[in-house]
Amino acid sequence: MKRSFFDRLFSNHSASDAFDSFDEELQATASRKETPVRTNGSASRPAPLDDNSPGNEGQLPVDVHQTASDIIIRAFVAGVRPDELNISISRDMVEVEGSRIEREQVAGPDYFTRELFWGSFSRTILLPQEIDADASSASAKDGLVTIILPKLDKAKHTKLRVKAG
């Protein structure tokens, strides 16, 4: 019969009971939580990241929120000129594509830390409601692009006059 943790903690038992199934479970749990460590043969430098290799496309992180009349999307695109961004808008979706080009080539072993993403990126955002694609606008300042999408007002009614003949 397996004793509870508190029974083992507060009861008097001999030293021969020091190793029991609780200890085995603890060791099994610890071994499952270990993560592999990447090294490049040098103990003083971490291995460079290989996620920026050609063919890997990054996903652009975005913030999306709404006001009473608009849906607003913001994304950091530092290092990308506004004319290098491609933003496609439909009534229910926005797609942002671009590319960051590394202007200075540095050899892999010369990096101490490599966290910046270089290469093409994209993001498709499904919108919570339909927007007026023709009245939408985008602006960029200090590496932050802001896309303003006016909501379509489905409750708005327009009366039409019928013209005679």
C-alpha atoms as a PDB file:
ATOM      1  CA  MET A   1       0.000   0.000   0.000  1.00  0.00           C
ATOM      2  CA  LYS A   2       1.342   3.402  -0.966  1.00  0.00           C
ATOM      3  CA  ARG A   3       1.575   5.940   1.855  1.00  0.00           C
ATOM      4  CA  SER A   4       0.723   9.579   1.289  1.00  0.00           C
ATOM      5  CA  PHE A   5       3.370  12.272   1.284  1.00  0.00           C
ATOM      6  CA  PHE A   6       2.272  13.548   4.717  1.00  0.00           C
ATOM      7  CA  ASP A   7       2.323  10.032   6.226  1.00  0.00           C
ATOM      8  CA  ARG A   8       5.893   9.607   5.050  1.00  0.00           C
ATOM      9  CA  LEU A   9       6.870  13.066   6.260  1.00  0.00           C
ATOM     10  CA  PHE A  10       5.476  12.836   9.798  1.00  0.00           C
ATOM     11  CA  SER A  11       5.653   9.118  10.661  1.00  0.00           C
ATOM     12  CA  ASN A  12       8.638   7.336  12.188  1.00  0.00           C
ATOM     13  CA  HIS A  13      10.232   4.898   9.757  1.00  0.00           C
ATOM     14  CA  SER A  14      13.647   3.365   9.459  1.00  0.00           C
ATOM     15  CA  ALA A  15      16.280   4.620   7.037  1.00  0.00           C
ATOM     16  CA  SER A  16      15.644   1.574   4.824  1.00  0.00           C
ATOM     17  CA  ASP A  17      12.341   3.171   3.744  1.00  0.00           C
ATOM     18  CA  ALA A  18      14.192   6.213   2.370  1.00  0.00           C
ATOM     19  CA  PHE A  19      13.694   5.142  -1.242  1.00  0.00           C
ATOM     20  CA  ASP A  20      10.105   4.381  -2.187  1.00  0.00           C
ATOM     21  CA  SER A  21       7.724   4.802  -5.093  1.00  0.00           C
ATOM     22  CA  PHE A  22       7.328   8.539  -4.437  1.00  0.00           C
ATOM     23  CA  ASP A  23      11.032   9.017  -5.120  1.00  0.00           C
ATOM     24  CA  GLU A  24      10.717   6.962  -8.323  1.00  0.00           C
ATOM     25  CA  GLU A  25       7.831   9.158  -9.512  1.00  0.00           C
ATOM     26  CA  LEU A  26       9.847  12.288  -8.732  1.00  0.00           C
ATOM     27  CA  GLN A  27      12.822  11.028 -10.741  1.00  0.00           C
ATOM     28  CA  ALA A  28      10.588  10.048 -13.687  1.00  0.00           C
ATOM     29  CA  THR A  29       8.943  13.480 -13.706  1.00  0.00           C
ATOM     30  CA  ALA A  30      12.298  15.274 -13.555  1.00  0.00           C
ATOM     31  CA  SER A  31      13.716  13.277 -16.454  1.00  0.00           C
ATOM     32  CA  ARG A  32      10.700  14.094 -18.645  1.00  0.00           C
ATOM     33  CA  LYS A  33      11.106  17.845 -18.068  1.00  0.00           C
ATOM     34  CA  GLU A  34      14.703  17.970 -19.275  1.00  0.00           C
ATOM     35  CA  THR A  35      15.194  19.871 -22.503  1.00  0.00           C
ATOM     36  CA  PRO A  36      18.013  19.222 -24.926  1.00  0.00           C
ATOM     37  CA  VAL A  37      20.826  21.779 -24.892  1.00  0.00           C
ATOM     38  CA  ARG A  38      22.228  22.883 -28.263  1.00  0.00           C
ATOM     39  CA  THR A  39      25.931  23.522 -28.395  1.00  0.00           C
ATOM     40  CA  ASN A  40      28.283  24.275 -31.228  1.00  0.00           C
ATOM     41  CA  GLY A  41      31.325  22.765 -29.558  1.00  0.00           C
ATOM     42  CA  SER A  42      32.254  25.939 -27.654  1.00  0.00           C
ATOM     43  CA  ALA A  43      31.189  26.288 -24.035  1.00  0.00           C
ATOM     44  CA  SER A  44      31.570  30.081 -24.085  1.00  0.00           C
ATOM     45  CA  ARG A  45      29.127  30.812 -26.941  1.00  0.00           C
ATOM     46  CA  PRO A  46      25.527  29.708 -27.489  1.00  0.00           C
ATOM     47  CA  ALA A  47      24.702  28.073 -30.792  1.00  0.00           C
ATOM     48  CA  PRO A  48      23.360  30.508 -33.389  1.00  0.00           C
ATOM     49  CA  LEU A  49      19.712  30.205 -34.273  1.00  0.00           C
ATOM     50  CA  ASP A  50      18.978  28.535 -37.571  1.00  0.00           C
ATOM     51  CA  ASP A  51      15.380  29.776 -37.870  1.00  0.00           C
ATOM     52  CA  ASN A  52      16.361  32.529 -40.331  1.00  0.00           C
ATOM     53  CA  SER A  53      17.482  30.106 -43.001  1.00  0.00           C
ATOM     54  CA  PRO A  54      16.134  30.705 -46.520  1.00  0.00           C
ATOM     55  CA  GLY A  55      12.712  29.215 -47.078  1.00  0.00           C
ATOM     56  CA  ASN A  56      11.473  29.881 -43.548  1.00  0.00           C
ATOM     57  CA  GLU A  57       8.835  32.596 -43.450  1.00  0.00           C
ATOM     58  CA  GLY A  58       8.209  34.503 -40.263  1.00  0.00           C
ATOM     59  CA  GLN A  59       4.797  35.345 -38.877  1.00  0.00           C
ATOM     60  CA  LEU A  60       4.327  39.029 -38.144  1.00  0.00           C
ATOM     61  CA  PRO A  61       3.035  39.664 -34.587  1.00  0.00           C
ATOM     62  CA  VAL A  62       0.081  42.054 -34.495  1.00  0.00           C
ATOM     63  CA  ASP A  63      -2.294  43.819 -32.123  1.00  0.00           C
ATOM     64  CA  VAL A  64      -5.918  44.045 -33.289  1.00  0.00           C
ATOM     65  CA  HIS A  65      -8.529  46.087 -31.457  1.00  0.00           C
ATOM     66  CA  GLN A  66     -11.710  47.988 -32.222  1.00  0.00           C
ATOM     67  CA  THR A  67     -13.340  51.310 -31.547  1.00  0.00           C
ATOM     68  CA  ALA A  68     -16.991  52.108 -32.112  1.00  0.00           C
ATOM     69  CA  SER A  69     -16.399  52.774 -35.815  1.00  0.00           C
ATOM     70  CA  ASP A  70     -13.070  51.108 -36.751  1.00  0.00           C
ATOM     71  CA  ILE A  71     -10.976  47.984 -36.468  1.00  0.00           C
ATOM     72  CA  ILE A  72      -7.321  48.902 -35.888  1.00  0.00           C
ATOM     73  CA  ILE A  73      -4.326  46.672 -36.601  1.00  0.00           C
ATOM     74  CA  ARG A  74      -0.820  47.539 -35.406  1.00  0.00           C
ATOM     75  CA  ALA A  75       2.419  45.710 -36.174  1.00  0.00           C
ATOM     76  CA  PHE A  76       6.105  46.423 -35.696  1.00  0.00           C
ATOM     77  CA  VAL A  77       7.879  46.342 -39.047  1.00  0.00           C
ATOM     78  CA  ALA A  78      11.215  47.871 -38.033  1.00  0.00           C
ATOM     79  CA  GLY A  79      13.793  47.613 -40.774  1.00  0.00           C
ATOM     80  CA  VAL A  80      11.181  47.510 -43.550  1.00  0.00           C
ATOM     81  CA  ARG A  81      10.494  50.553 -45.716  1.00  0.00           C
ATOM     82  CA  PRO A  82       6.778  51.347 -46.163  1.00  0.00           C
ATOM     83  CA  ASP A  83       7.025  50.814 -49.932  1.00  0.00           C
ATOM     84  CA  GLU A  84       8.347  47.271 -49.279  1.00  0.00           C
ATOM     85  CA  LEU A  85       5.150  46.293 -47.419  1.00  0.00           C
ATOM     86  CA  ASN A  86       2.269  44.674 -49.269  1.00  0.00           C
ATOM     87  CA  ILE A  87      -1.120  45.031 -47.533  1.00  0.00           C
ATOM     88  CA  SER A  88      -4.132  43.321 -49.113  1.00  0.00           C
ATOM     89  CA  ILE A  89      -7.583  44.072 -47.730  1.00  0.00           C
ATOM     90  CA  SER A  90     -10.934  42.418 -48.386  1.00  0.00           C
ATOM     91  CA  ARG A  91     -14.188  42.864 -46.478  1.00  0.00           C
ATOM     92  CA  ASP A  92     -13.362  40.162 -43.943  1.00  0.00           C
ATOM     93  CA  MET A  93      -9.581  39.679 -44.086  1.00  0.00           C
ATOM     94  CA  VAL A  94      -6.270  41.576 -44.099  1.00  0.00           C
ATOM     95  CA  GLU A  95      -2.951  40.161 -45.302  1.00  0.00           C
ATOM     96  CA  VAL A  96       0.364  41.890 -44.551  1.00  0.00           C
ATOM     97  CA  GLU A  97       3.512  40.719 -46.353  1.00  0.00           C
ATOM     98  CA  GLY A  98       7.038  42.051 -46.442  1.00  0.00           C
ATOM     99  CA  SER A  99      10.692  41.252 -46.107  1.00  0.00           C
ATOM    100  CA  ARG A 100      13.573  42.379 -43.885  1.00  0.00           C
ATOM    101  CA  ILE A 101      16.887  42.267 -45.677  1.00  0.00           C
ATOM    102  CA  GLU A 102      20.009  41.865 -43.580  1.00  0.00           C
ATOM    103  CA  ARG A 103      22.276  44.609 -44.870  1.00  0.00           C
ATOM    104  CA  GLU A 104      25.470  43.291 -43.287  1.00  0.00           C
ATOM    105  CA  GLN A 105      26.508  39.662 -43.652  1.00  0.00           C
ATOM    106  CA  VAL A 106      28.063  38.199 -40.513  1.00  0.00           C
ATOM    107  CA  ALA A 107      29.451  34.670 -40.330  1.00  0.00           C
ATOM    108  CA  GLY A 108      27.526  32.285 -38.063  1.00  0.00           C
ATOM    109  CA  PRO A 109      30.385  31.582 -35.610  1.00  0.00           C
ATOM    110  CA  ASP A 110      30.904  35.345 -35.125  1.00  0.00           C
ATOM    111  CA  TYR A 111      27.447  35.756 -33.527  1.00  0.00           C
ATOM    112  CA  PHE A 112      27.103  35.716 -29.766  1.00  0.00           C
ATOM    113  CA  THR A 113      23.305  36.109 -29.898  1.00  0.00           C
ATOM    114  CA  ARG A 114      21.031  36.007 -32.932  1.00  0.00           C
ATOM    115  CA  GLU A 115      17.381  36.822 -32.222  1.00  0.00           C
ATOM    116  CA  LEU A 116      16.351  39.280 -34.931  1.00  0.00           C
ATOM    117  CA  PHE A 117      14.305  37.862 -37.797  1.00  0.00           C
ATOM    118  CA  TRP A 118      15.615  38.477 -41.302  1.00  0.00           C
ATOM    119  CA  GLY A 119      13.721  37.359 -44.380  1.00  0.00           C
ATOM    120  CA  SER A 120      10.167  37.376 -45.610  1.00  0.00           C
ATOM    121  CA  PHE A 121       7.206  37.495 -43.256  1.00  0.00           C
ATOM    122  CA  SER A 122       3.449  37.531 -43.585  1.00  0.00           C
ATOM    123  CA  ARG A 123       0.312  37.560 -41.506  1.00  0.00           C
ATOM    124  CA  THR A 124      -3.303  36.937 -42.428  1.00  0.00           C
ATOM    125  CA  ILE A 125      -5.853  38.407 -40.031  1.00  0.00           C
ATOM    126  CA  LEU A 126      -9.484  37.304 -40.150  1.00  0.00           C
ATOM    127  CA  LEU A 127     -11.643  40.240 -39.133  1.00  0.00           C
ATOM    128  CA  PRO A 128     -14.495  39.936 -36.611  1.00  0.00           C
ATOM    129  CA  GLN A 129     -16.863  41.830 -38.902  1.00  0.00           C
ATOM    130  CA  GLU A 130     -16.997  43.253 -42.408  1.00  0.00           C
ATOM    131  CA  ILE A 131     -15.153  46.470 -43.138  1.00  0.00           C
ATOM    132  CA  ASP A 132     -15.162  49.083 -45.891  1.00  0.00           C
ATOM    133  CA  ALA A 133     -12.016  48.130 -47.818  1.00  0.00           C
ATOM    134  CA  ASP A 134     -12.153  51.250 -50.019  1.00  0.00           C
ATOM    135  CA  ALA A 135     -12.131  53.648 -47.043  1.00  0.00           C
ATOM    136  CA  SER A 136      -9.301  51.845 -45.208  1.00  0.00           C
ATOM    137  CA  SER A 137      -5.924  53.490 -44.610  1.00  0.00           C
ATOM    138  CA  ALA A 138      -2.432  52.532 -43.467  1.00  0.00           C
ATOM    139  CA  SER A 139       0.413  54.620 -42.054  1.00  0.00           C
ATOM    140  CA  ALA A 140       3.889  53.890 -40.719  1.00  0.00           C
ATOM    141  CA  LYS A 141       5.896  55.820 -38.148  1.00  0.00           C
ATOM    142  CA  ASP A 142       8.974  54.774 -36.147  1.00  0.00           C
ATOM    143  CA  GLY A 143       8.729  51.167 -37.345  1.00  0.00           C
ATOM    144  CA  LEU A 144       5.067  50.761 -36.366  1.00  0.00           C
ATOM    145  CA  VAL A 145       2.473  50.295 -39.100  1.00  0.00           C
ATOM    146  CA  THR A 146      -1.125  51.168 -38.224  1.00  0.00           C
ATOM    147  CA  ILE A 147      -3.998  49.981 -40.410  1.00  0.00           C
ATOM    148  CA  ILE A 148      -7.394  51.610 -39.843  1.00  0.00           C
ATOM    149  CA  LEU A 149     -10.375  49.684 -41.205  1.00  0.00           C
ATOM    150  CA  PRO A 150     -13.773  51.415 -41.006  1.00  0.00           C
ATOM    151  CA  LYS A 151     -16.552  49.015 -39.994  1.00  0.00           C
ATOM    152  CA  LEU A 152     -19.539  48.528 -42.246  1.00  0.00           C
ATOM    153  CA  ASP A 153     -22.690  49.582 -40.462  1.00  0.00           C
ATOM    154  CA  LYS A 154     -25.212  46.832 -41.229  1.00  0.00           C
ATOM    155  CA  ALA A 155     -27.917  48.596 -39.233  1.00  0.00           C
ATOM    156  CA  LYS A 156     -27.661  51.716 -41.390  1.00  0.00           C
ATOM    157  CA  HIS A 157     -30.610  52.044 -43.756  1.00  0.00           C
ATOM    158  CA  THR A 158     -30.812  54.246 -46.806  1.00  0.00           C
ATOM    159  CA  LYS A 159     -34.082  55.271 -48.432  1.00  0.00           C
ATOM    160  CA  LEU A 160     -34.160  55.414 -52.174  1.00  0.00           C
ATOM    161  CA  ARG A 161     -36.518  57.540 -54.240  1.00  0.00           C
ATOM    162  CA  VAL A 162     -37.971  55.977 -57.265  1.00  0.00           C
ATOM    163  CA  LYS A 163     -37.691  58.232 -60.274  1.00  0.00           C
ATOM    164  CA  ALA A 164     -40.550  58.311 -62.690  1.00  0.00           C
ATOM    165  CA  GLY A 165     -39.897  57.690 -66.205  1.00  0.00           C
END
